[in-house]
Amino acid sequence: MLRRACLALLPVLTVAVLAGCGDDDPAPTTPAPSAQTSVSAEASPSAETSPAASPSPSPAINFTVDGAGPYTIGANLEALKAGGILDKVATGAETCPVNTTASGTGVWKDIQLQFRPDGVLYLVVNRSKTIPTPSGARLGMTLAAVSSIYGNLGKELNGGAAYLVTTTSGRGILFDLDQNKKVFAMIAGDAAYLKSSYEGGTDFC
C-alpha cells in the first residue's frame, strides 16, 4: 500500500521524495567525508610548517662554566663557522694578536668568544643582561648577591675586584665587577687559568 501511495503522488512529488519511498535504496550522502577533508586540509599545513618554525625544543638560555648554547669550551672555530653561527670573526686583536675573536648570533649575540691559534675555543664571555647562570646570577648583580648564591664555591680575587666560582670539573665562571661591586661580565673557562690570568693581568691571552 505504501508503494502504491507513493506512485499515486508521482506527478506532484520530487525525485527526492520518491527516493525515500518503498524499497528503493536511499541516495548516498557525502557531507561527512567533505567535512573531514576540510579539517584535514587545515591541519596538514600546520603539521608541516610547525617543525620548520621550531625544529626541536629550545635549549635553556643560560651561561655555564662550559659556555653558552652551541659555544662550548673546546669547540672548533671552523666547525662553528661552517654552521653559520659566528659573527664579527677577527684575528690579530690588539690585546691577543695570535688569537681569533668572534661573537655569537641571534639570542647569543652578546656572547663573545676567544679561540687559540689552533682554533680551539677556550674562553666564553657573557655581556648580556638577559642570559643568567643556571643558578640565577646575572649582569648587574652585586658581589654580595652573587656570593650568596654560590657560597663556598666562590672566592674573591684581587680584594673583591672579581669573584671566581669553581666547579668539580675544574671549569669556572669569573664574575668581573665594576667599581660599585656589580657584575659587568661573566667569563667561562678553565678555573685555574681564569684565576692566574686575572691576577697576572694577562687579558686572558
Protein backbone atom coordinates (compact mmCIF):
# COMPACT_ATOMS: atom_id res chain seq x y z
CA MET A 1 0.00 0.00 0.00
CA LEU A 2 2.80 2.43 0.84
CA ARG A 3 4.43 1.91 -2.56
CA ARG A 4 1.11 2.49 -4.39
CA ALA A 5 0.52 5.69 -2.44
CA CYS A 6 3.93 6.93 -3.48
CA LEU A 7 3.28 6.13 -7.15
CA ALA A 8 -0.07 7.92 -6.97
CA LEU A 9 1.67 11.07 -5.82
CA LEU A 10 4.38 10.85 -8.52
CA PRO A 11 3.16 13.79 -10.59
CA VAL A 12 3.48 16.19 -7.71
CA LEU A 13 6.39 14.78 -5.76
CA THR A 14 10.02 15.42 -6.40
CA VAL A 15 12.57 12.74 -7.08
CA ALA A 16 13.88 13.22 -3.58
CA VAL A 17 10.53 12.19 -2.05
CA LEU A 18 10.20 9.22 -4.39
CA ALA A 19 13.63 8.02 -3.44
CA GLY A 20 12.52 7.84 0.17
CA CYS A 21 9.50 5.60 -0.54
CA GLY A 22 9.14 1.83 -0.60
CA ASP A 23 12.08 -0.44 -1.19
CA ASP A 24 14.24 1.96 -3.22
CA ASP A 25 17.74 2.47 -1.77
CA PRO A 26 18.36 5.93 -0.27
CA ALA A 27 20.67 8.20 -2.21
CA PRO A 28 24.28 8.14 -0.84
CA THR A 29 25.28 11.07 1.31
CA THR A 30 28.74 12.72 1.17
CA PRO A 31 28.81 15.66 3.63
CA ALA A 32 30.87 13.81 6.26
CA PRO A 33 33.87 12.99 4.02
CA SER A 34 33.81 16.57 2.71
CA ALA A 35 33.93 17.97 6.23
CA GLN A 36 36.76 15.62 7.17
CA THR A 37 38.74 16.65 4.11
CA SER A 38 38.34 20.30 5.06
CA VAL A 39 39.60 19.76 8.62
CA SER A 40 42.47 17.64 7.36
CA ALA A 41 43.48 20.29 4.85
CA GLU A 42 43.72 22.89 7.61
CA ALA A 43 45.62 20.65 9.99
CA SER A 44 48.07 19.31 7.43
CA PRO A 45 49.86 22.59 6.57
CA SER A 46 50.13 23.34 10.28
CA ALA A 47 51.75 19.97 10.92
CA GLU A 48 54.17 20.51 8.04
CA THR A 49 55.20 24.06 8.95
CA SER A 50 55.45 23.53 12.71
CA PRO A 51 58.77 21.61 12.62
CA ALA A 52 60.31 24.32 10.45
CA ALA A 53 59.33 27.02 12.93
CA SER A 54 60.50 25.00 15.91
CA PRO A 55 62.63 22.03 14.80
CA SER A 56 63.41 20.97 18.35
CA PRO A 57 62.78 22.13 21.91
CA SER A 58 64.81 25.27 22.59
CA PRO A 59 67.79 24.81 24.86
CA ALA A 60 67.83 26.69 28.15
CA ILE A 61 69.08 30.22 27.62
CA ASN A 62 71.78 30.38 30.27
CA PHE A 63 75.51 30.75 30.81
CA THR A 64 77.52 27.95 32.43
CA VAL A 65 81.13 27.02 33.16
CA ASP A 66 81.07 25.21 29.80
CA GLY A 67 79.97 28.29 27.82
CA ALA A 68 76.59 29.17 26.32
CA GLY A 69 74.36 27.38 23.83
CA PRO A 70 76.42 25.94 20.95
CA TYR A 71 79.51 27.86 22.10
CA THR A 72 81.10 25.36 24.46
CA ILE A 73 84.67 25.31 25.70
CA GLY A 74 86.74 23.15 23.34
CA ALA A 75 84.54 23.82 20.28
CA ASN A 76 86.29 24.24 16.92
CA LEU A 77 86.40 27.58 15.12
CA GLU A 78 85.99 26.12 11.62
CA ALA A 79 83.06 23.95 12.69
CA LEU A 80 81.25 26.94 14.17
CA LYS A 81 81.96 28.94 11.00
CA ALA A 82 80.56 26.13 8.86
CA GLY A 83 77.42 26.15 11.00
CA GLY A 84 76.90 29.84 10.23
CA ILE A 85 76.65 30.77 13.91
CA LEU A 86 79.59 33.16 14.24
CA ASP A 87 79.66 36.92 13.77
CA LYS A 88 82.46 39.52 13.81
CA VAL A 89 85.23 36.95 13.34
CA ALA A 90 88.65 38.62 13.55
CA THR A 91 92.24 37.53 14.09
CA GLY A 92 95.03 39.72 15.46
CA ALA A 93 93.32 41.81 18.14
CA GLU A 94 95.50 44.32 19.96
CA THR A 95 95.31 42.51 23.29
CA CYS A 96 95.74 38.95 21.95
CA PRO A 97 97.29 39.23 18.45
CA VAL A 98 97.65 35.48 17.86
CA ASN A 99 94.08 34.62 18.84
CA THR A 100 90.80 34.82 16.94
CA THR A 101 87.77 36.54 18.43
CA ALA A 102 84.12 36.29 17.43
CA SER A 103 80.63 36.77 18.78
CA GLY A 104 77.54 34.60 18.77
CA THR A 105 74.39 35.17 16.75
CA GLY A 106 70.68 35.50 17.49
CA VAL A 107 69.89 35.25 21.19
CA TRP A 108 73.64 34.72 21.76
CA LYS A 109 74.74 37.96 20.03
CA ASP A 110 76.21 39.35 23.28
CA ILE A 111 78.34 36.25 23.85
CA GLN A 112 81.99 36.90 22.96
CA LEU A 113 84.41 34.11 22.08
CA GLN A 114 88.18 33.66 22.06
CA PHE A 115 89.97 30.93 20.09
CA ARG A 116 93.57 29.77 20.34
CA PRO A 117 95.72 29.76 17.17
CA ASP A 118 94.77 26.07 16.73
CA GLY A 119 91.09 27.07 16.52
CA VAL A 120 90.02 25.76 19.92
CA LEU A 121 87.51 27.84 21.88
CA TYR A 122 88.98 28.40 25.33
CA LEU A 123 87.16 31.47 26.66
CA VAL A 124 83.48 32.48 26.54
CA VAL A 125 82.43 35.93 27.77
CA ASN A 126 78.85 36.86 28.63
CA ARG A 127 77.90 40.53 28.28
CA SER A 128 74.15 40.01 28.03
CA LYS A 129 71.78 41.16 30.76
CA THR A 130 69.22 38.58 29.61
CA ILE A 131 71.38 35.45 29.90
CA PRO A 132 71.80 34.34 33.54
CA THR A 133 73.62 31.37 35.01
CA PRO A 134 71.51 28.30 35.85
CA SER A 135 71.63 29.42 39.50
CA GLY A 136 70.21 32.83 38.62
CA ALA A 137 73.29 35.06 38.73
CA ARG A 138 73.22 37.77 36.07
CA LEU A 139 74.86 41.00 34.97
CA GLY A 140 74.10 43.93 37.26
CA MET A 141 74.07 41.83 40.44
CA THR A 142 76.18 42.92 43.38
CA LEU A 143 79.10 40.92 44.72
CA ALA A 144 77.07 40.22 47.85
CA ALA A 145 74.18 38.79 45.83
CA VAL A 146 76.42 36.57 43.72
CA SER A 147 78.39 35.29 46.70
CA SER A 148 75.13 34.45 48.49
CA ILE A 149 74.18 32.23 45.53
CA TYR A 150 77.46 30.29 45.30
CA GLY A 151 78.71 30.27 48.88
CA ASN A 152 81.80 28.08 49.32
CA LEU A 153 82.15 27.52 45.58
CA GLY A 154 83.21 31.13 45.10
CA LYS A 155 86.26 33.18 46.01
CA GLU A 156 87.03 36.89 45.76
CA LEU A 157 90.05 37.88 43.66
CA ASN A 158 92.20 41.00 43.93
CA GLY A 159 90.47 42.30 47.01
CA GLY A 160 86.95 41.86 45.65
CA ALA A 161 87.55 43.18 42.13
CA ALA A 162 86.28 39.83 40.78
CA TYR A 163 84.61 36.69 42.03
CA LEU A 164 85.56 33.23 40.80
CA VAL A 165 83.26 30.21 41.05
CA THR A 166 84.99 26.85 40.58
CA THR A 167 83.24 23.53 39.95
CA THR A 168 84.40 19.95 40.43
CA SER A 169 85.04 19.69 36.67
CA GLY A 170 87.84 22.24 37.01
CA ARG A 171 85.99 24.83 34.97
CA GLY A 172 84.61 28.02 36.39
CA ILE A 173 82.98 31.38 35.89
CA LEU A 174 84.77 34.59 36.74
CA PHE A 175 82.40 37.44 37.59
CA ASP A 176 84.14 40.68 36.66
CA LEU A 177 82.99 43.58 38.87
CA ASP A 178 82.89 47.32 38.33
CA GLN A 179 83.85 49.94 40.90
CA ASN A 180 80.41 49.59 42.52
CA LYS A 181 80.96 45.85 43.04
CA LYS A 182 78.40 44.95 40.36
CA VAL A 183 78.86 42.28 37.70
CA PHE A 184 79.53 43.70 34.23
CA ALA A 185 80.84 40.50 32.59
CA MET A 186 80.97 36.75 33.19
CA ILE A 187 83.87 34.71 31.81
CA ALA A 188 83.77 30.92 31.46
CA GLY A 189 86.83 28.72 31.08
CA ASP A 190 89.35 26.66 32.98
CA ALA A 191 89.11 27.95 36.56
CA ALA A 192 92.87 27.79 37.30
CA TYR A 193 93.60 29.66 34.09
CA LEU A 194 90.95 32.30 34.83
CA LYS A 195 92.47 32.90 38.26
CA SER A 196 96.10 33.08 37.12
CA SER A 197 95.32 35.23 34.10
CA TYR A 198 93.15 37.68 36.03
CA GLU A 199 95.58 38.04 38.90
CA GLY A 200 98.52 38.24 36.48
CA GLY A 201 96.84 40.84 34.27
CA THR A 202 97.43 38.92 31.03
CA ASP A 203 94.00 39.77 29.50
CA PHE A 204 93.27 36.05 29.13
CA CYS A 205 95.58 35.66 26.13
